[in-house]
Amino acid sequence: MYLPRRVYEVLPYAYVAAGLLACIASYLSTGSVWSDLAFGSGAIAIIGGFVLILRRRSYRDDEARYDRHSLDD
């Protein structure tokens, strides 16, 4: 599946934002099953967004490091 670069770059931040909104919504409507589900899905979205951000950063750092060493040879 192809995504335009702008959409691809924004996705992790959108996951974190959606997760925060879900957690805030669960806080505002406490005491129901839907509140618990909103909090759980929000927490998963936040964690997933941060994992994507960190994995991309690590991958880009590794690629930059290896590309620089391959040019020196």
PDB file of N, CA and C in Angstrom:
ATOM      1  N   MET A   1       0.841  -1.171   0.000  1.00  0.00           N
ATOM      2  CA  MET A   1       0.000   0.000   0.000  1.00  0.00           C
ATOM      3  C   MET A   1       0.882   1.229   0.000  1.00  0.00           C
ATOM      4  N   TYR A   2       0.608   2.145  -0.890  1.00  0.00           N
ATOM      5  CA  TYR A   2       1.392   3.357  -1.009  1.00  0.00           C
ATOM      6  C   TYR A   2       0.702   4.500  -0.275  1.00  0.00           C
ATOM      7  N   LEU A   3       1.463   5.200   0.537  1.00  0.00           N
ATOM      8  CA  LEU A   3       0.978   6.406   1.195  1.00  0.00           C
ATOM      9  C   LEU A   3       1.875   7.565   0.792  1.00  0.00           C
ATOM     10  N   PRO A   4       1.304   8.712   0.520  1.00  0.00           N
ATOM     11  CA  PRO A   4       2.156   9.878   0.248  1.00  0.00           C
ATOM     12  C   PRO A   4       3.053  10.158   1.453  1.00  0.00           C
ATOM     13  N   ARG A   5       4.211  10.709   1.191  1.00  0.00           N
ATOM     14  CA  ARG A   5       5.204  10.939   2.245  1.00  0.00           C
ATOM     15  C   ARG A   5       4.643  11.790   3.389  1.00  0.00           C
ATOM     16  N   ARG A   6       3.858  12.802   3.054  1.00  0.00           N
ATOM     17  CA  ARG A   6       3.292  13.665   4.110  1.00  0.00           C
ATOM     18  C   ARG A   6       2.402  12.865   5.057  1.00  0.00           C
ATOM     19  N   VAL A   7       1.580  11.998   4.495  1.00  0.00           N
ATOM     20  CA  VAL A   7       0.693  11.173   5.323  1.00  0.00           C
ATOM     21  C   VAL A   7       1.514  10.189   6.150  1.00  0.00           C
ATOM     22  N   TYR A   8       2.519   9.575   5.515  1.00  0.00           N
ATOM     23  CA  TYR A   8       3.360   8.596   6.193  1.00  0.00           C
ATOM     24  C   TYR A   8       4.091   9.217   7.384  1.00  0.00           C
ATOM     25  N   GLU A   9       4.573  10.432   7.220  1.00  0.00           N
ATOM     26  CA  GLU A   9       5.321  11.089   8.296  1.00  0.00           C
ATOM     27  C   GLU A   9       4.432  11.526   9.453  1.00  0.00           C
ATOM     28  N   VAL A  10       3.174  11.809   9.189  1.00  0.00           N
ATOM     29  CA  VAL A  10       2.275  12.323  10.215  1.00  0.00           C
ATOM     30  C   VAL A  10       1.592  11.199  11.002  1.00  0.00           C
ATOM     31  N   LEU A  11       1.543   9.996  10.459  1.00  0.00           N
ATOM     32  CA  LEU A  11       0.794   8.908  11.091  1.00  0.00           C
ATOM     33  C   LEU A  11       1.149   8.645  12.558  1.00  0.00           C
ATOM     34  N   PRO A  12       2.428   8.532  12.943  1.00  0.00           N
ATOM     35  CA  PRO A  12       2.707   8.266  14.366  1.00  0.00           C
ATOM     36  C   PRO A  12       2.181   9.361  15.285  1.00  0.00           C
ATOM     37  N   TYR A  13       2.285  10.606  14.847  1.00  0.00           N
ATOM     38  CA  TYR A  13       1.792  11.713  15.664  1.00  0.00           C
ATOM     39  C   TYR A  13       0.267  11.711  15.723  1.00  0.00           C
ATOM     40  N   ALA A  14      -0.373  11.287  14.637  1.00  0.00           N
ATOM     41  CA  ALA A  14      -1.831  11.156  14.642  1.00  0.00           C
ATOM     42  C   ALA A  14      -2.265  10.049  15.600  1.00  0.00           C
ATOM     43  N   TYR A  15      -1.500   8.953  15.657  1.00  0.00           N
ATOM     44  CA  TYR A  15      -1.810   7.880  16.599  1.00  0.00           C
ATOM     45  C   TYR A  15      -1.722   8.380  18.036  1.00  0.00           C
ATOM     46  N   VAL A  16      -0.680   9.131  18.338  1.00  0.00           N
ATOM     47  CA  VAL A  16      -0.512   9.660  19.698  1.00  0.00           C
ATOM     48  C   VAL A  16      -1.643  10.635  20.022  1.00  0.00           C
ATOM     49  N   ALA A  17      -1.977  11.511  19.078  1.00  0.00           N
ATOM     50  CA  ALA A  17      -3.046  12.490  19.311  1.00  0.00           C
ATOM     51  C   ALA A  17      -4.392  11.792  19.505  1.00  0.00           C
ATOM     52  N   ALA A  18      -4.683  10.800  18.678  1.00  0.00           N
ATOM     53  CA  ALA A  18      -5.941  10.067  18.820  1.00  0.00           C
ATOM     54  C   ALA A  18      -5.978   9.312  20.147  1.00  0.00           C
ATOM     55  N   GLY A  19      -4.849   8.775  20.552  1.00  0.00           N
ATOM     56  CA  GLY A  19      -4.779   8.085  21.840  1.00  0.00           C
ATOM     57  C   GLY A  19      -5.016   9.029  23.009  1.00  0.00           C
ATOM     58  N   LEU A  20      -4.435  10.219  22.920  1.00  0.00           N
ATOM     59  CA  LEU A  20      -4.655  11.203  23.981  1.00  0.00           C
ATOM     60  C   LEU A  20      -6.118  11.628  24.044  1.00  0.00           C
ATOM     61  N   LEU A  21      -6.730  11.826  22.875  1.00  0.00           N
ATOM     62  CA  LEU A  21      -8.151  12.189  22.856  1.00  0.00           C
ATOM     63  C   LEU A  21      -9.019  11.080  23.449  1.00  0.00           C
ATOM     64  N   ALA A  22      -8.689   9.840  23.136  1.00  0.00           N
ATOM     65  CA  ALA A  22      -9.455   8.717  23.688  1.00  0.00           C
ATOM     66  C   ALA A  22      -9.289   8.637  25.202  1.00  0.00           C
ATOM     67  N   CYS A  23      -8.083   8.866  25.687  1.00  0.00           N
ATOM     68  CA  CYS A  23      -7.857   8.836  27.142  1.00  0.00           C
ATOM     69  C   CYS A  23      -8.584   9.982  27.838  1.00  0.00           C
ATOM     70  N   ILE A  24      -8.582  11.155  27.208  1.00  0.00           N
ATOM     71  CA  ILE A  24      -9.305  12.289  27.790  1.00  0.00           C
ATOM     72  C   ILE A  24     -10.805  12.017  27.790  1.00  0.00           C
ATOM     73  N   ALA A  25     -11.307  11.446  26.701  1.00  0.00           N
ATOM     74  CA  ALA A  25     -12.738  11.107  26.632  1.00  0.00           C
ATOM     75  C   ALA A  25     -13.100  10.083  27.693  1.00  0.00           C
ATOM     76  N   SER A  26     -12.222   9.127  27.938  1.00  0.00           N
ATOM     77  CA  SER A  26     -12.521   8.127  28.968  1.00  0.00           C
ATOM     78  C   SER A  26     -12.506   8.752  30.358  1.00  0.00           C
ATOM     79  N   TYR A  27     -11.675   9.751  30.547  1.00  0.00           N
ATOM     80  CA  TYR A  27     -11.618  10.441  31.839  1.00  0.00           C
ATOM     81  C   TYR A  27     -12.896  11.245  32.088  1.00  0.00           C
ATOM     82  N   LEU A  28     -13.430  11.844  31.022  1.00  0.00           N
ATOM     83  CA  LEU A  28     -14.620  12.681  31.163  1.00  0.00           C
ATOM     84  C   LEU A  28     -15.885  11.869  31.384  1.00  0.00           C
ATOM     85  N   SER A  29     -15.921  10.637  30.885  1.00  0.00           N
ATOM     86  CA  SER A  29     -17.122   9.813  31.078  1.00  0.00           C
ATOM     87  C   SER A  29     -16.746   8.546  31.836  1.00  0.00           C
ATOM     88  N   THR A  30     -16.499   8.691  33.099  1.00  0.00           N
ATOM     89  CA  THR A  30     -16.064   7.566  33.923  1.00  0.00           C
ATOM     90  C   THR A  30     -17.226   6.670  34.295  1.00  0.00           C
ATOM     91  N   GLY A  31     -16.891   5.426  34.633  1.00  0.00           N
ATOM     92  CA  GLY A  31     -17.875   4.527  35.194  1.00  0.00           C
ATOM     93  C   GLY A  31     -18.601   3.638  34.213  1.00  0.00           C
ATOM     94  N   SER A  32     -18.148   3.549  32.985  1.00  0.00           N
ATOM     95  CA  SER A  32     -18.822   2.659  32.044  1.00  0.00           C
ATOM     96  C   SER A  32     -17.786   1.767  31.355  1.00  0.00           C
ATOM     97  N   VAL A  33     -18.293   0.747  30.704  1.00  0.00           N
ATOM     98  CA  VAL A  33     -17.416  -0.161  29.969  1.00  0.00           C
ATOM     99  C   VAL A  33     -16.772   0.571  28.802  1.00  0.00           C
ATOM    100  N   TRP A  34     -17.533   1.472  28.165  1.00  0.00           N
ATOM    101  CA  TRP A  34     -16.996   2.223  27.031  1.00  0.00           C
ATOM    102  C   TRP A  34     -15.843   3.125  27.467  1.00  0.00           C
ATOM    103  N   SER A  35     -15.918   3.618  28.661  1.00  0.00           N
ATOM    104  CA  SER A  35     -14.834   4.435  29.197  1.00  0.00           C
ATOM    105  C   SER A  35     -13.558   3.610  29.334  1.00  0.00           C
ATOM    106  N   ASP A  36     -13.694   2.395  29.835  1.00  0.00           N
ATOM    107  CA  ASP A  36     -12.539   1.514  29.976  1.00  0.00           C
ATOM    108  C   ASP A  36     -11.968   1.123  28.617  1.00  0.00           C
ATOM    109  N   LEU A  37     -12.858   0.846  27.663  1.00  0.00           N
ATOM    110  CA  LEU A  37     -12.393   0.508  26.314  1.00  0.00           C
ATOM    111  C   LEU A  37     -11.701   1.691  25.643  1.00  0.00           C
ATOM    112  N   ALA A  38     -12.242   2.883  25.846  1.00  0.00           N
ATOM    113  CA  ALA A  38     -11.618   4.079  25.268  1.00  0.00           C
ATOM    114  C   ALA A  38     -10.236   4.297  25.867  1.00  0.00           C
ATOM    115  N   PHE A  39     -10.122   4.102  27.169  1.00  0.00           N
ATOM    116  CA  PHE A  39      -8.808   4.276  27.800  1.00  0.00           C
ATOM    117  C   PHE A  39      -7.809   3.228  27.304  1.00  0.00           C
ATOM    118  N   GLY A  40      -8.254   1.986  27.213  1.00  0.00           N
ATOM    119  CA  GLY A  40      -7.359   0.921  26.739  1.00  0.00           C
ATOM    120  C   GLY A  40      -6.914   1.139  25.313  1.00  0.00           C
ATOM    121  N   SER A  41      -7.844   1.481  24.440  1.00  0.00           N
ATOM    122  CA  SER A  41      -7.461   1.725  23.048  1.00  0.00           C
ATOM    123  C   SER A  41      -6.610   2.976  22.922  1.00  0.00           C
ATOM    124  N   GLY A  42      -6.883   3.974  23.737  1.00  0.00           N
ATOM    125  CA  GLY A  42      -6.061   5.187  23.726  1.00  0.00           C
ATOM    126  C   GLY A  42      -4.638   4.908  24.182  1.00  0.00           C
ATOM    127  N   ALA A  43      -4.493   4.106  25.211  1.00  0.00           N
ATOM    128  CA  ALA A  43      -3.154   3.756  25.694  1.00  0.00           C
ATOM    129  C   ALA A  43      -2.390   2.963  24.636  1.00  0.00           C
ATOM    130  N   ILE A  44      -3.081   2.043  23.964  1.00  0.00           N
ATOM    131  CA  ILE A  44      -2.432   1.263  22.904  1.00  0.00           C
ATOM    132  C   ILE A  44      -2.010   2.169  21.746  1.00  0.00           C
ATOM    133  N   ALA A  45      -2.861   3.131  21.386  1.00  0.00           N
ATOM    134  CA  ALA A  45      -2.524   4.049  20.299  1.00  0.00           C
ATOM    135  C   ALA A  45      -1.330   4.931  20.667  1.00  0.00           C
ATOM    136  N   ILE A  46      -1.275   5.399  21.894  1.00  0.00           N
ATOM    137  CA  ILE A  46      -0.153   6.228  22.332  1.00  0.00           C
ATOM    138  C   ILE A  46       1.145   5.427  22.295  1.00  0.00           C
ATOM    139  N   ILE A  47       1.109   4.236  22.848  1.00  0.00           N
ATOM    140  CA  ILE A  47       2.309   3.395  22.859  1.00  0.00           C
ATOM    141  C   ILE A  47       2.732   3.053  21.436  1.00  0.00           C
ATOM    142  N   GLY A  48       1.772   2.692  20.589  1.00  0.00           N
ATOM    143  CA  GLY A  48       2.085   2.378  19.201  1.00  0.00           C
ATOM    144  C   GLY A  48       2.688   3.560  18.457  1.00  0.00           C
ATOM    145  N   GLY A  49       2.149   4.742  18.682  1.00  0.00           N
ATOM    146  CA  GLY A  49       2.699   5.943  18.044  1.00  0.00           C
ATOM    147  C   GLY A  49       4.128   6.208  18.472  1.00  0.00           C
ATOM    148  N   PHE A  50       4.401   6.094  19.765  1.00  0.00           N
ATOM    149  CA  PHE A  50       5.765   6.310  20.243  1.00  0.00           C
ATOM    150  C   PHE A  50       6.726   5.235  19.737  1.00  0.00           C
ATOM    151  N   VAL A  51       6.253   3.998  19.650  1.00  0.00           N
ATOM    152  CA  VAL A  51       7.095   2.927  19.107  1.00  0.00           C
ATOM    153  C   VAL A  51       7.462   3.236  17.661  1.00  0.00           C
ATOM    154  N   LEU A  52       6.487   3.663  16.870  1.00  0.00           N
ATOM    155  CA  LEU A  52       6.779   4.016  15.479  1.00  0.00           C
ATOM    156  C   LEU A  52       7.761   5.172  15.375  1.00  0.00           C
ATOM    157  N   ILE A  53       7.576   6.191  16.199  1.00  0.00           N
ATOM    158  CA  ILE A  53       8.493   7.337  16.174  1.00  0.00           C
ATOM    159  C   ILE A  53       9.917   6.889  16.493  1.00  0.00           C
ATOM    160  N   LEU A  54      10.075   6.084  17.535  1.00  0.00           N
ATOM    161  CA  LEU A  54      11.413   5.647  17.939  1.00  0.00           C
ATOM    162  C   LEU A  54      12.032   4.691  16.923  1.00  0.00           C
ATOM    163  N   ARG A  55      11.227   3.799  16.331  1.00  0.00           N
ATOM    164  CA  ARG A  55      11.755   2.868  15.329  1.00  0.00           C
ATOM    165  C   ARG A  55      12.208   3.615  14.074  1.00  0.00           C
ATOM    166  N   ARG A  56      11.433   4.589  13.659  1.00  0.00           N
ATOM    167  CA  ARG A  56      11.844   5.377  12.489  1.00  0.00           C
ATOM    168  C   ARG A  56      13.124   6.142  12.766  1.00  0.00           C
ATOM    169  N   ARG A  57      13.227   6.728  13.942  1.00  0.00           N
ATOM    170  CA  ARG A  57      14.432   7.473  14.288  1.00  0.00           C
ATOM    171  C   ARG A  57      15.650   6.555  14.297  1.00  0.00           C
ATOM    172  N   SER A  58      15.506   5.392  14.886  1.00  0.00           N
ATOM    173  CA  SER A  58      16.603   4.433  14.934  1.00  0.00           C
ATOM    174  C   SER A  58      16.994   3.979  13.531  1.00  0.00           C
ATOM    175  N   TYR A  59      16.004   3.670  12.706  1.00  0.00           N
ATOM    176  CA  TYR A  59      16.282   3.218  11.344  1.00  0.00           C
ATOM    177  C   TYR A  59      17.003   4.307  10.555  1.00  0.00           C
ATOM    178  N   ARG A  60      16.556   5.534  10.678  1.00  0.00           N
ATOM    179  CA  ARG A  60      17.184   6.626   9.929  1.00  0.00           C
ATOM    180  C   ARG A  60      18.597   6.904  10.422  1.00  0.00           C
ATOM    181  N   ASP A  61      18.824   6.795  11.716  1.00  0.00           N
ATOM    182  CA  ASP A  61      20.184   6.958  12.239  1.00  0.00           C
ATOM    183  C   ASP A  61      21.100   5.862  11.730  1.00  0.00           C
ATOM    184  N   ASP A  62      20.620   4.625  11.726  1.00  0.00           N
ATOM    185  CA  ASP A  62      21.420   3.503  11.224  1.00  0.00           C
ATOM    186  C   ASP A  62      21.717   3.661   9.745  1.00  0.00           C
ATOM    187  N   GLU A  63      20.728   4.050   8.969  1.00  0.00           N
ATOM    188  CA  GLU A  63      20.932   4.236   7.529  1.00  0.00           C
ATOM    189  C   GLU A  63      21.954   5.330   7.271  1.00  0.00           C
ATOM    190  N   ALA A  64      21.880   6.424   8.007  1.00  0.00           N
ATOM    191  CA  ALA A  64      22.836   7.515   7.822  1.00  0.00           C
ATOM    192  C   ALA A  64      24.242   7.058   8.201  1.00  0.00           C
ATOM    193  N   ARG A  65      24.366   6.287   9.264  1.00  0.00           N
ATOM    194  CA  ARG A  65      25.670   5.813   9.703  1.00  0.00           C
ATOM    195  C   ARG A  65      26.274   4.855   8.681  1.00  0.00           C
ATOM    196  N   TYR A  66      25.482   3.923   8.188  1.00  0.00           N
ATOM    197  CA  TYR A  66      26.001   2.938   7.236  1.00  0.00           C
ATOM    198  C   TYR A  66      26.269   3.554   5.870  1.00  0.00           C
ATOM    199  N   ASP A  67      25.470   4.488   5.444  1.00  0.00           N
ATOM    200  CA  ASP A  67      25.721   5.152   4.176  1.00  0.00           C
ATOM    201  C   ASP A  67      27.012   5.945   4.225  1.00  0.00           C
ATOM    202  N   ARG A  68      27.302   6.564   5.346  1.00  0.00           N
ATOM    203  CA  ARG A  68      28.518   7.338   5.473  1.00  0.00           C
ATOM    204  C   ARG A  68      29.750   6.427   5.436  1.00  0.00           C
ATOM    205  N   HIS A  69      29.680   5.255   6.102  1.00  0.00           N
ATOM    206  CA  HIS A  69      30.808   4.336   6.098  1.00  0.00           C
ATOM    207  C   HIS A  69      31.012   3.707   4.737  1.00  0.00           C
ATOM    208  N   SER A  70      29.948   3.452   4.001  1.00  0.00           N
ATOM    209  CA  SER A  70      30.110   2.831   2.679  1.00  0.00           C
ATOM    210  C   SER A  70      30.724   3.803   1.696  1.00  0.00           C
ATOM    211  N   LEU A  71      30.564   5.098   1.895  1.00  0.00           N
ATOM    212  CA  LEU A  71      31.184   6.062   1.004  1.00  0.00           C
ATOM    213  C   LEU A  71      32.674   6.201   1.273  1.00  0.00           C
ATOM    214  N   ASP A  72      33.112   5.897   2.484  1.00  0.00           N
ATOM    215  CA  ASP A  72      34.532   6.017   2.819  1.00  0.00           C
ATOM    216  C   ASP A  72      35.362   4.912   2.177  1.00  0.00           C
ATOM    217  N   ASP A  73      34.773   3.770   1.852  1.00  0.00           N
ATOM    218  CA  ASP A  73      35.531   2.643   1.311  1.00  0.00           C
ATOM    219  C   ASP A  73      35.998   2.873  -0.092  1.00  0.00           C
TER     220      ASP A  73
END
